[in-house]
Amino acid sequence: MKRISDHGRVIILLAAAASLLAQSNSGVQSQNHSSVPDVRQIVESSIAATERHWQARLHYTYVERDEDRRRDLDGRVKSEDVDVSRTILVNGVPFEQLLEHNGRPPSAEEERKYKEKLDKLKRETPEQRAERLRTQEDENTSLVREVPKAFDFQLVGEEVVRGRPAYVLHATPRPGYHAQGKYGKMFSKVAGKLWVDKQDLGWIKVDGEVIQPFSMGLFLARVLRGSHITMEQARVDNGIWMPERVEVRAAAKIFFIKSLVVERVLIYSEYRLAQAGAH
């Protein structure tokens, strides 16, 4: 069975990367340069807001629906898996409870394994819990922190997205940048657009396309040029933006031999700020 939280995190970070290497401005009207806001300030504030929002997500409970489909080149579904899980907090640390697998409740074996993990988490010392939470915070924000180093930004216009006025940003890779961190190497492999909420400076929407093939363990495959990635975020309490829907449609070669299309859809809902002392 897939490790839901790990895969979800990777897909979200991939979608974020896809927003940050834009090369086309089709459909976006340029602004009057005399009234253009300071793009550097927009970027810095947006990065700070996104890092803060994704760290805050570690203190929320929510439901995740993870749809994984694989099709042959004629579009026929070869395999399909759908997992539904709920993330709760156990002693302040996020923990995934599997609710359904392909429409059925977890098997007795799956329940046993999850109970073992839950019991182990409950036995952790405060120091161990703090280290685990710190590690998750670092993973959630490692890619975001690299953005100002990796790109030169341009503000190309404004649009209304889901009823919210937004800045539209394009970015080009900064010459001489050397990839840092776990996901930095993806920056030069994707192209797309990023919409930033004008009020909260959170990321509303991402639309990206793979422009150079790269290997990704998530699919046990080489993701090919033309693969498409989108992410939409929802405005939660007090202007905090969190992932709502992420879609990846990847043309891939499994084990570099068999060609197929991998479709992953992650849907997040029921965000609730965890109550102190819960679980």
C-alpha atoms as a PDB file:
ATOM      1  CA  MET A   1       0.000   0.000   0.000  1.00  0.00           C
ATOM      2  CA  LYS A   2       1.184   3.559  -0.731  1.00  0.00           C
ATOM      3  CA  ARG A   3       2.532   5.731   2.037  1.00  0.00           C
ATOM      4  CA  ILE A   4      -0.138   8.376   1.711  1.00  0.00           C
ATOM      5  CA  SER A   5       1.502  11.305   3.484  1.00  0.00           C
ATOM      6  CA  ASP A   6       4.881  10.868   1.789  1.00  0.00           C
ATOM      7  CA  HIS A   7       3.415  10.653  -1.710  1.00  0.00           C
ATOM      8  CA  GLY A   8       1.071  13.547  -1.085  1.00  0.00           C
ATOM      9  CA  ARG A   9       3.947  15.736   0.075  1.00  0.00           C
ATOM     10  CA  VAL A  10       6.054  14.896  -2.985  1.00  0.00           C
ATOM     11  CA  ILE A  11       3.207  15.640  -5.408  1.00  0.00           C
ATOM     12  CA  ILE A  12       2.452  18.957  -3.725  1.00  0.00           C
ATOM     13  CA  LEU A  13       6.109  19.952  -3.895  1.00  0.00           C
ATOM     14  CA  LEU A  14       6.296  18.870  -7.535  1.00  0.00           C
ATOM     15  CA  ALA A  15       3.291  21.058  -8.301  1.00  0.00           C
ATOM     16  CA  ALA A  16       4.946  23.949  -6.508  1.00  0.00           C
ATOM     17  CA  ALA A  17       8.087  23.441  -8.577  1.00  0.00           C
ATOM     18  CA  ALA A  18       5.985  23.432 -11.737  1.00  0.00           C
ATOM     19  CA  SER A  19       4.756  26.926 -10.998  1.00  0.00           C
ATOM     20  CA  LEU A  20       8.178  28.435 -10.760  1.00  0.00           C
ATOM     21  CA  LEU A  21       9.826  28.027 -14.144  1.00  0.00           C
ATOM     22  CA  ALA A  22       7.527  29.905 -16.493  1.00  0.00           C
ATOM     23  CA  GLN A  23       8.411  30.799 -20.052  1.00  0.00           C
ATOM     24  CA  SER A  24       5.111  31.628 -21.796  1.00  0.00           C
ATOM     25  CA  ASN A  25       2.736  34.530 -21.090  1.00  0.00           C
ATOM     26  CA  SER A  26      -0.132  33.588 -23.389  1.00  0.00           C
ATOM     27  CA  GLY A  27      -3.486  34.941 -22.212  1.00  0.00           C
ATOM     28  CA  VAL A  28      -1.952  37.379 -19.680  1.00  0.00           C
ATOM     29  CA  GLN A  29      -2.161  41.108 -20.290  1.00  0.00           C
ATOM     30  CA  SER A  30       0.845  43.199 -19.307  1.00  0.00           C
ATOM     31  CA  GLN A  31       0.311  45.960 -16.780  1.00  0.00           C
ATOM     32  CA  ASN A  32       1.061  49.651 -17.090  1.00  0.00           C
ATOM     33  CA  HIS A  33       4.666  49.745 -15.869  1.00  0.00           C
ATOM     34  CA  SER A  34       4.100  52.982 -13.974  1.00  0.00           C
ATOM     35  CA  SER A  35       1.724  51.147 -11.623  1.00  0.00           C
ATOM     36  CA  VAL A  36       3.504  47.795 -11.349  1.00  0.00           C
ATOM     37  CA  PRO A  37       4.112  46.770  -7.706  1.00  0.00           C
ATOM     38  CA  ASP A  38       7.568  45.783  -6.532  1.00  0.00           C
ATOM     39  CA  VAL A  39       7.915  42.192  -7.820  1.00  0.00           C
ATOM     40  CA  ARG A  40      10.730  41.446  -5.380  1.00  0.00           C
ATOM     41  CA  GLN A  41       8.485  42.365  -2.458  1.00  0.00           C
ATOM     42  CA  ILE A  42       5.639  40.237  -3.851  1.00  0.00           C
ATOM     43  CA  VAL A  43       7.947  37.237  -4.210  1.00  0.00           C
ATOM     44  CA  GLU A  44       9.543  37.592  -0.781  1.00  0.00           C
ATOM     45  CA  SER A  45       6.175  38.067   0.928  1.00  0.00           C
ATOM     46  CA  SER A  46       4.623  35.172  -1.024  1.00  0.00           C
ATOM     47  CA  ILE A  47       7.472  32.833  -0.109  1.00  0.00           C
ATOM     48  CA  ALA A  48       7.210  33.798   3.562  1.00  0.00           C
ATOM     49  CA  ALA A  49       3.423  33.342   3.498  1.00  0.00           C
ATOM     50  CA  THR A  50       3.603  29.933   1.805  1.00  0.00           C
ATOM     51  CA  GLU A  51       6.225  28.684   4.251  1.00  0.00           C
ATOM     52  CA  ARG A  52       4.064  29.873   7.141  1.00  0.00           C
ATOM     53  CA  HIS A  53       0.897  28.317   5.684  1.00  0.00           C
ATOM     54  CA  TRP A  54       2.479  24.911   5.037  1.00  0.00           C
ATOM     55  CA  GLN A  55       3.939  24.854   8.534  1.00  0.00           C
ATOM     56  CA  ALA A  56       0.491  25.692   9.938  1.00  0.00           C
ATOM     57  CA  ARG A  57      -0.915  22.698   8.030  1.00  0.00           C
ATOM     58  CA  LEU A  58       0.936  20.436  10.468  1.00  0.00           C
ATOM     59  CA  HIS A  59      -1.496  21.610  13.166  1.00  0.00           C
ATOM     60  CA  TYR A  60      -4.655  20.827  11.211  1.00  0.00           C
ATOM     61  CA  THR A  61      -6.701  17.678  10.759  1.00  0.00           C
ATOM     62  CA  TYR A  62      -8.024  16.961   7.265  1.00  0.00           C
ATOM     63  CA  VAL A  63      -9.248  14.278   4.878  1.00  0.00           C
ATOM     64  CA  GLU A  64      -7.233  13.185   1.828  1.00  0.00           C
ATOM     65  CA  ARG A  65      -8.560  11.283  -1.175  1.00  0.00           C
ATOM     66  CA  ASP A  66      -5.747   9.791  -3.247  1.00  0.00           C
ATOM     67  CA  GLU A  67      -6.689   8.481  -6.708  1.00  0.00           C
ATOM     68  CA  ASP A  68      -3.990   6.577  -8.634  1.00  0.00           C
ATOM     69  CA  ARG A  69      -4.764   5.390 -12.169  1.00  0.00           C
ATOM     70  CA  ARG A  70      -2.481   3.911 -14.800  1.00  0.00           C
ATOM     71  CA  ARG A  71      -3.500   3.791 -18.446  1.00  0.00           C
ATOM     72  CA  ASP A  72      -1.936   2.353 -21.555  1.00  0.00           C
ATOM     73  CA  LEU A  73      -1.223   4.599 -24.525  1.00  0.00           C
ATOM     74  CA  ASP A  74      -4.718   3.881 -25.902  1.00  0.00           C
ATOM     75  CA  GLY A  75      -6.315   5.267 -22.750  1.00  0.00           C
ATOM     76  CA  ARG A  76      -7.426   1.937 -21.267  1.00  0.00           C
ATOM     77  CA  VAL A  77      -7.212   1.766 -17.457  1.00  0.00           C
ATOM     78  CA  LYS A  78      -4.666  -0.886 -16.461  1.00  0.00           C
ATOM     79  CA  SER A  79      -4.909  -0.365 -12.700  1.00  0.00           C
ATOM     80  CA  GLU A  80      -6.727   1.896 -10.273  1.00  0.00           C
ATOM     81  CA  ASP A  81      -6.378   2.479  -6.546  1.00  0.00           C
ATOM     82  CA  VAL A  82      -8.282   4.944  -4.378  1.00  0.00           C
ATOM     83  CA  ASP A  83      -7.314   5.561  -0.771  1.00  0.00           C
ATOM     84  CA  VAL A  84      -9.175   7.827   1.649  1.00  0.00           C
ATOM     85  CA  SER A  85      -7.416   8.811   4.852  1.00  0.00           C
ATOM     86  CA  ARG A  86      -7.859  11.242   7.709  1.00  0.00           C
ATOM     87  CA  THR A  87      -4.881  13.043   9.208  1.00  0.00           C
ATOM     88  CA  ILE A  88      -5.160  13.558  12.950  1.00  0.00           C
ATOM     89  CA  LEU A  89      -2.714  14.832  15.545  1.00  0.00           C
ATOM     90  CA  VAL A  90      -1.285  12.425  18.103  1.00  0.00           C
ATOM     91  CA  ASN A  91       0.565  14.287  20.829  1.00  0.00           C
ATOM     92  CA  GLY A  92       0.930  17.169  18.412  1.00  0.00           C
ATOM     93  CA  VAL A  93       2.315  15.093  15.519  1.00  0.00           C
ATOM     94  CA  PRO A  94       0.328  14.398  12.294  1.00  0.00           C
ATOM     95  CA  PHE A  95      -0.760  10.788  11.849  1.00  0.00           C
ATOM     96  CA  GLU A  96      -2.715   9.261   8.933  1.00  0.00           C
ATOM     97  CA  GLN A  97      -5.668   6.990   9.583  1.00  0.00           C
ATOM     98  CA  LEU A  98      -6.662   4.908   6.560  1.00  0.00           C
ATOM     99  CA  LEU A  99     -10.448   5.073   6.186  1.00  0.00           C
ATOM    100  CA  GLU A 100     -10.997   3.264   2.877  1.00  0.00           C
ATOM    101  CA  HIS A 101      -9.042   1.399   0.236  1.00  0.00           C
ATOM    102  CA  ASN A 102     -10.929   1.024  -3.064  1.00  0.00           C
ATOM    103  CA  GLY A 103     -14.234   1.667  -1.322  1.00  0.00           C
ATOM    104  CA  ARG A 104     -13.687  -0.848   1.474  1.00  0.00           C
ATOM    105  CA  PRO A 105     -12.617  -0.376   5.070  1.00  0.00           C
ATOM    106  CA  PRO A 106      -9.066  -1.382   6.022  1.00  0.00           C
ATOM    107  CA  SER A 107      -8.377  -5.091   6.350  1.00  0.00           C
ATOM    108  CA  ALA A 108      -7.563  -6.650   9.706  1.00  0.00           C
ATOM    109  CA  GLU A 109      -3.863  -6.706   8.758  1.00  0.00           C
ATOM    110  CA  GLU A 110      -3.900  -3.046   7.761  1.00  0.00           C
ATOM    111  CA  GLU A 111      -5.666  -2.151  11.010  1.00  0.00           C
ATOM    112  CA  ARG A 112      -3.023  -4.054  12.975  1.00  0.00           C
ATOM    113  CA  LYS A 113      -0.158  -2.230  11.276  1.00  0.00           C
ATOM    114  CA  TYR A 114      -1.740   1.165  11.810  1.00  0.00           C
ATOM    115  CA  LYS A 115      -2.395   0.383  15.467  1.00  0.00           C
ATOM    116  CA  GLU A 116       1.258  -0.557  15.891  1.00  0.00           C
ATOM    117  CA  LYS A 117       2.349   2.755  14.368  1.00  0.00           C
ATOM    118  CA  LEU A 118      -0.126   4.661  16.523  1.00  0.00           C
ATOM    119  CA  ASP A 119       1.034   2.943  19.711  1.00  0.00           C
ATOM    120  CA  LYS A 120       4.672   3.630  18.820  1.00  0.00           C
ATOM    121  CA  LEU A 121       3.899   7.310  18.242  1.00  0.00           C
ATOM    122  CA  LYS A 122       2.116   7.571  21.587  1.00  0.00           C
ATOM    123  CA  ARG A 123       5.190   6.146  23.348  1.00  0.00           C
ATOM    124  CA  GLU A 124       7.581   8.724  21.906  1.00  0.00           C
ATOM    125  CA  THR A 125       9.291  11.109  24.280  1.00  0.00           C
ATOM    126  CA  PRO A 126       8.635  14.858  23.996  1.00  0.00           C
ATOM    127  CA  GLU A 127      12.108  15.221  22.481  1.00  0.00           C
ATOM    128  CA  GLN A 128      11.393  12.581  19.836  1.00  0.00           C
ATOM    129  CA  ARG A 129       8.061  14.189  18.959  1.00  0.00           C
ATOM    130  CA  ALA A 130       9.675  17.627  18.656  1.00  0.00           C
ATOM    131  CA  GLU A 131      12.354  16.228  16.337  1.00  0.00           C
ATOM    132  CA  ARG A 132       9.763  14.449  14.182  1.00  0.00           C
ATOM    133  CA  LEU A 133       7.696  17.635  13.857  1.00  0.00           C
ATOM    134  CA  ARG A 134      10.786  19.693  13.075  1.00  0.00           C
ATOM    135  CA  THR A 135      11.752  17.236  10.327  1.00  0.00           C
ATOM    136  CA  GLN A 136       8.301  17.472   8.735  1.00  0.00           C
ATOM    137  CA  GLU A 137       8.412  21.270   8.867  1.00  0.00           C
ATOM    138  CA  ASP A 138      11.787  21.256   7.125  1.00  0.00           C
ATOM    139  CA  GLU A 139      10.536  18.878   4.410  1.00  0.00           C
ATOM    140  CA  ASN A 140       7.440  20.992   3.797  1.00  0.00           C
ATOM    141  CA  THR A 141       9.430  24.199   3.346  1.00  0.00           C
ATOM    142  CA  SER A 142      12.770  23.047   1.892  1.00  0.00           C
ATOM    143  CA  LEU A 143      11.638  23.643  -1.690  1.00  0.00           C
ATOM    144  CA  VAL A 144      10.009  26.980  -0.905  1.00  0.00           C
ATOM    145  CA  ARG A 145      13.221  28.312   0.644  1.00  0.00           C
ATOM    146  CA  GLU A 146      15.150  27.604  -2.555  1.00  0.00           C
ATOM    147  CA  VAL A 147      12.830  29.627  -4.782  1.00  0.00           C
ATOM    148  CA  PRO A 148      14.422  33.105  -4.359  1.00  0.00           C
ATOM    149  CA  LYS A 149      17.865  31.598  -5.010  1.00  0.00           C
ATOM    150  CA  ALA A 150      16.841  29.665  -8.099  1.00  0.00           C
ATOM    151  CA  PHE A 151      14.789  32.167 -10.103  1.00  0.00           C
ATOM    152  CA  ASP A 152      14.530  35.670 -11.463  1.00  0.00           C
ATOM    153  CA  PHE A 153      10.880  36.789 -11.360  1.00  0.00           C
ATOM    154  CA  GLN A 154       8.673  38.947 -13.553  1.00  0.00           C
ATOM    155  CA  LEU A 155       5.190  40.231 -12.771  1.00  0.00           C
ATOM    156  CA  VAL A 156       3.241  39.928 -16.031  1.00  0.00           C
ATOM    157  CA  GLY A 157      -0.310  40.820 -15.066  1.00  0.00           C
ATOM    158  CA  GLU A 158      -3.290  40.392 -12.779  1.00  0.00           C
ATOM    159  CA  GLU A 159      -6.277  38.050 -13.017  1.00  0.00           C
ATOM    160  CA  VAL A 160      -9.297  37.095 -10.910  1.00  0.00           C
ATOM    161  CA  VAL A 161      -9.020  33.440  -9.853  1.00  0.00           C
ATOM    162  CA  ARG A 162     -11.863  31.765  -7.958  1.00  0.00           C
ATOM    163  CA  GLY A 163     -13.209  35.220  -7.154  1.00  0.00           C
ATOM    164  CA  ARG A 164      -9.880  36.454  -5.744  1.00  0.00           C
ATOM    165  CA  PRO A 165      -7.736  39.177  -7.370  1.00  0.00           C
ATOM    166  CA  ALA A 166      -4.308  37.688  -8.007  1.00  0.00           C
ATOM    167  CA  TYR A 167      -0.874  38.592  -9.305  1.00  0.00           C
ATOM    168  CA  VAL A 168       0.389  36.433 -12.163  1.00  0.00           C
ATOM    169  CA  LEU A 169       4.093  35.652 -11.912  1.00  0.00           C
ATOM    170  CA  HIS A 170       6.526  34.144 -14.402  1.00  0.00           C
ATOM    171  CA  ALA A 171      10.024  33.062 -13.472  1.00  0.00           C
ATOM    172  CA  THR A 172      13.184  32.205 -15.340  1.00  0.00           C
ATOM    173  CA  PRO A 173      16.071  30.166 -13.916  1.00  0.00           C
ATOM    174  CA  ARG A 174      18.857  32.219 -12.424  1.00  0.00           C
ATOM    175  CA  PRO A 175      22.145  31.602 -14.256  1.00  0.00           C
ATOM    176  CA  GLY A 176      24.654  29.664 -12.198  1.00  0.00           C
ATOM    177  CA  TYR A 177      22.129  28.260  -9.718  1.00  0.00           C
ATOM    178  CA  HIS A 178      23.167  24.899  -8.314  1.00  0.00           C
ATOM    179  CA  ALA A 179      20.296  22.697  -7.146  1.00  0.00           C
ATOM    180  CA  GLN A 180      20.043  22.354  -3.395  1.00  0.00           C
ATOM    181  CA  GLY A 181      17.895  20.084  -1.267  1.00  0.00           C
ATOM    182  CA  LYS A 182      15.781  17.079  -2.066  1.00  0.00           C
ATOM    183  CA  TYR A 183      13.653  18.642  -4.788  1.00  0.00           C
ATOM    184  CA  GLY A 184      15.820  21.439  -6.200  1.00  0.00           C
ATOM    185  CA  LYS A 185      16.777  19.443  -9.286  1.00  0.00           C
ATOM    186  CA  MET A 186      13.182  19.665 -10.544  1.00  0.00           C
ATOM    187  CA  PHE A 187      13.349  23.447 -10.965  1.00  0.00           C
ATOM    188  CA  SER A 188      14.940  23.234 -14.412  1.00  0.00           C
ATOM    189  CA  LYS A 189      12.555  20.502 -15.603  1.00  0.00           C
ATOM    190  CA  VAL A 190       9.169  22.223 -15.444  1.00  0.00           C
ATOM    191  CA  ALA A 191       7.424  25.318 -16.838  1.00  0.00           C
ATOM    192  CA  GLY A 192       4.233  27.061 -15.788  1.00  0.00           C
ATOM    193  CA  LYS A 193       2.420  29.946 -14.094  1.00  0.00           C
ATOM    194  CA  LEU A 194       1.754  30.948 -10.504  1.00  0.00           C
ATOM    195  CA  TRP A 195      -1.208  32.987  -9.243  1.00  0.00           C
ATOM    196  CA  VAL A 196      -0.650  34.822  -5.933  1.00  0.00           C
ATOM    197  CA  ASP A 197      -3.555  36.209  -3.890  1.00  0.00           C
ATOM    198  CA  LYS A 198      -3.222  40.009  -3.700  1.00  0.00           C
ATOM    199  CA  GLN A 199      -4.540  40.229  -0.138  1.00  0.00           C
ATOM    200  CA  ASP A 200      -2.986  37.225   1.619  1.00  0.00           C
ATOM    201  CA  LEU A 201      -0.083  36.641  -0.816  1.00  0.00           C
ATOM    202  CA  GLY A 202      -0.844  32.911  -0.671  1.00  0.00           C
ATOM    203  CA  TRP A 203      -0.608  30.709  -3.762  1.00  0.00           C
ATOM    204  CA  ILE A 204      -4.094  30.278  -5.275  1.00  0.00           C
ATOM    205  CA  LYS A 205      -3.262  28.196  -8.306  1.00  0.00           C
ATOM    206  CA  VAL A 206      -0.385  26.504 -10.108  1.00  0.00           C
ATOM    207  CA  ASP A 207      -0.326  25.254 -13.693  1.00  0.00           C
ATOM    208  CA  GLY A 208       2.790  23.527 -14.966  1.00  0.00           C
ATOM    209  CA  GLU A 209       4.187  21.245 -17.632  1.00  0.00           C
ATOM    210  CA  VAL A 210       7.296  19.052 -17.677  1.00  0.00           C
ATOM    211  CA  ILE A 211       9.713  20.380 -20.309  1.00  0.00           C
ATOM    212  CA  GLN A 212      12.586  17.953 -19.679  1.00  0.00           C
ATOM    213  CA  PRO A 213      12.317  14.294 -18.614  1.00  0.00           C
ATOM    214  CA  PHE A 214      13.381  13.373 -15.076  1.00  0.00           C
ATOM    215  CA  SER A 215      13.345  10.311 -12.862  1.00  0.00           C
ATOM    216  CA  MET A 216      11.005  10.213  -9.886  1.00  0.00           C
ATOM    217  CA  GLY A 217      10.754   7.431  -7.356  1.00  0.00           C
ATOM    218  CA  LEU A 218       7.100   8.253  -6.699  1.00  0.00           C
ATOM    219  CA  PHE A 219       6.172   6.638 -10.018  1.00  0.00           C
ATOM    220  CA  LEU A 220       9.113   4.189 -10.213  1.00  0.00           C
ATOM    221  CA  ALA A 221       9.443   5.780 -13.620  1.00  0.00           C
ATOM    222  CA  ARG A 222      11.002   8.394 -15.814  1.00  0.00           C
ATOM    223  CA  VAL A 223       8.516  11.244 -16.182  1.00  0.00           C
ATOM    224  CA  LEU A 224       8.445  12.389 -19.793  1.00  0.00           C
ATOM    225  CA  ARG A 225       8.169  15.772 -21.451  1.00  0.00           C
ATOM    226  CA  GLY A 226       4.581  16.976 -21.770  1.00  0.00           C
ATOM    227  CA  SER A 227       3.441  15.630 -18.389  1.00  0.00           C
ATOM    228  CA  HIS A 228       1.022  18.100 -16.784  1.00  0.00           C
ATOM    229  CA  ILE A 229       0.696  19.267 -13.190  1.00  0.00           C
ATOM    230  CA  THR A 230      -1.931  21.506 -11.581  1.00  0.00           C
ATOM    231  CA  MET A 231      -2.556  22.556  -7.994  1.00  0.00           C
ATOM    232  CA  GLU A 232      -5.339  24.607  -6.434  1.00  0.00           C
ATOM    233  CA  GLN A 233      -5.285  25.834  -2.856  1.00  0.00           C
ATOM    234  CA  ALA A 234      -8.168  26.748  -0.560  1.00  0.00           C
ATOM    235  CA  ARG A 235      -8.326  29.754   1.760  1.00  0.00           C
ATOM    236  CA  VAL A 236      -8.648  28.424   5.293  1.00  0.00           C
ATOM    237  CA  ASP A 237      -8.810  30.240   8.662  1.00  0.00           C
ATOM    238  CA  ASN A 238      -7.588  33.849   8.651  1.00  0.00           C
ATOM    239  CA  GLY A 239      -6.168  33.842   5.160  1.00  0.00           C
ATOM    240  CA  ILE A 240      -4.147  30.642   5.390  1.00  0.00           C
ATOM    241  CA  TRP A 241      -3.883  28.812   2.040  1.00  0.00           C
ATOM    242  CA  MET A 242      -3.618  25.040   1.929  1.00  0.00           C
ATOM    243  CA  PRO A 243      -3.706  22.432  -0.858  1.00  0.00           C
ATOM    244  CA  GLU A 244      -7.214  21.535  -2.021  1.00  0.00           C
ATOM    245  CA  ARG A 245      -6.694  19.665  -5.287  1.00  0.00           C
ATOM    246  CA  VAL A 246      -3.538  18.444  -7.004  1.00  0.00           C
ATOM    247  CA  GLU A 247      -3.541  16.641 -10.360  1.00  0.00           C
ATOM    248  CA  VAL A 248      -0.612  15.011 -12.112  1.00  0.00           C
ATOM    249  CA  ARG A 249      -1.005  13.471 -15.568  1.00  0.00           C
ATOM    250  CA  ALA A 250       2.380  11.998 -16.362  1.00  0.00           C
ATOM    251  CA  ALA A 251       3.526  10.300 -19.512  1.00  0.00           C
ATOM    252  CA  ALA A 252       6.072   7.850 -18.136  1.00  0.00           C
ATOM    253  CA  LYS A 253       8.270   4.875 -18.797  1.00  0.00           C
ATOM    254  CA  ILE A 254       8.051   2.355 -15.960  1.00  0.00           C
ATOM    255  CA  PHE A 255      11.490   0.900 -15.301  1.00  0.00           C
ATOM    256  CA  PHE A 256      12.473   2.909 -18.423  1.00  0.00           C
ATOM    257  CA  ILE A 257      10.821   0.292 -20.667  1.00  0.00           C
ATOM    258  CA  LYS A 258       7.024   0.234 -20.559  1.00  0.00           C
ATOM    259  CA  SER A 259       5.227   3.406 -21.664  1.00  0.00           C
ATOM    260  CA  LEU A 260       1.984   4.427 -19.975  1.00  0.00           C
ATOM    261  CA  VAL A 261       0.103   7.363 -18.504  1.00  0.00           C
ATOM    262  CA  VAL A 262       0.070   7.817 -14.735  1.00  0.00           C
ATOM    263  CA  GLU A 263      -2.771   9.894 -13.287  1.00  0.00           C
ATOM    264  CA  ARG A 264      -2.697  11.017  -9.651  1.00  0.00           C
ATOM    265  CA  VAL A 265      -5.400  13.169  -8.115  1.00  0.00           C
ATOM    266  CA  LEU A 266      -5.182  14.312  -4.505  1.00  0.00           C
ATOM    267  CA  ILE A 267      -8.234  16.005  -2.975  1.00  0.00           C
ATOM    268  CA  TYR A 268      -8.041  17.582   0.491  1.00  0.00           C
ATOM    269  CA  SER A 269     -11.059  18.607   2.536  1.00  0.00           C
ATOM    270  CA  GLU A 270     -12.436  19.159   6.043  1.00  0.00           C
ATOM    271  CA  TYR A 271      -9.503  21.207   7.334  1.00  0.00           C
ATOM    272  CA  ARG A 272      -9.929  21.738  11.082  1.00  0.00           C
ATOM    273  CA  LEU A 273      -7.496  23.310  13.508  1.00  0.00           C
ATOM    274  CA  ALA A 274      -6.714  20.564  16.033  1.00  0.00           C
ATOM    275  CA  GLN A 275      -7.865  21.215  19.581  1.00  0.00           C
ATOM    276  CA  ALA A 276      -5.194  21.432  22.262  1.00  0.00           C
ATOM    277  CA  GLY A 277      -4.875  18.165  24.117  1.00  0.00           C
ATOM    278  CA  ALA A 278      -6.638  16.141  21.421  1.00  0.00           C
ATOM    279  CA  HIS A 279      -5.549  12.490  21.207  1.00  0.00           C
END
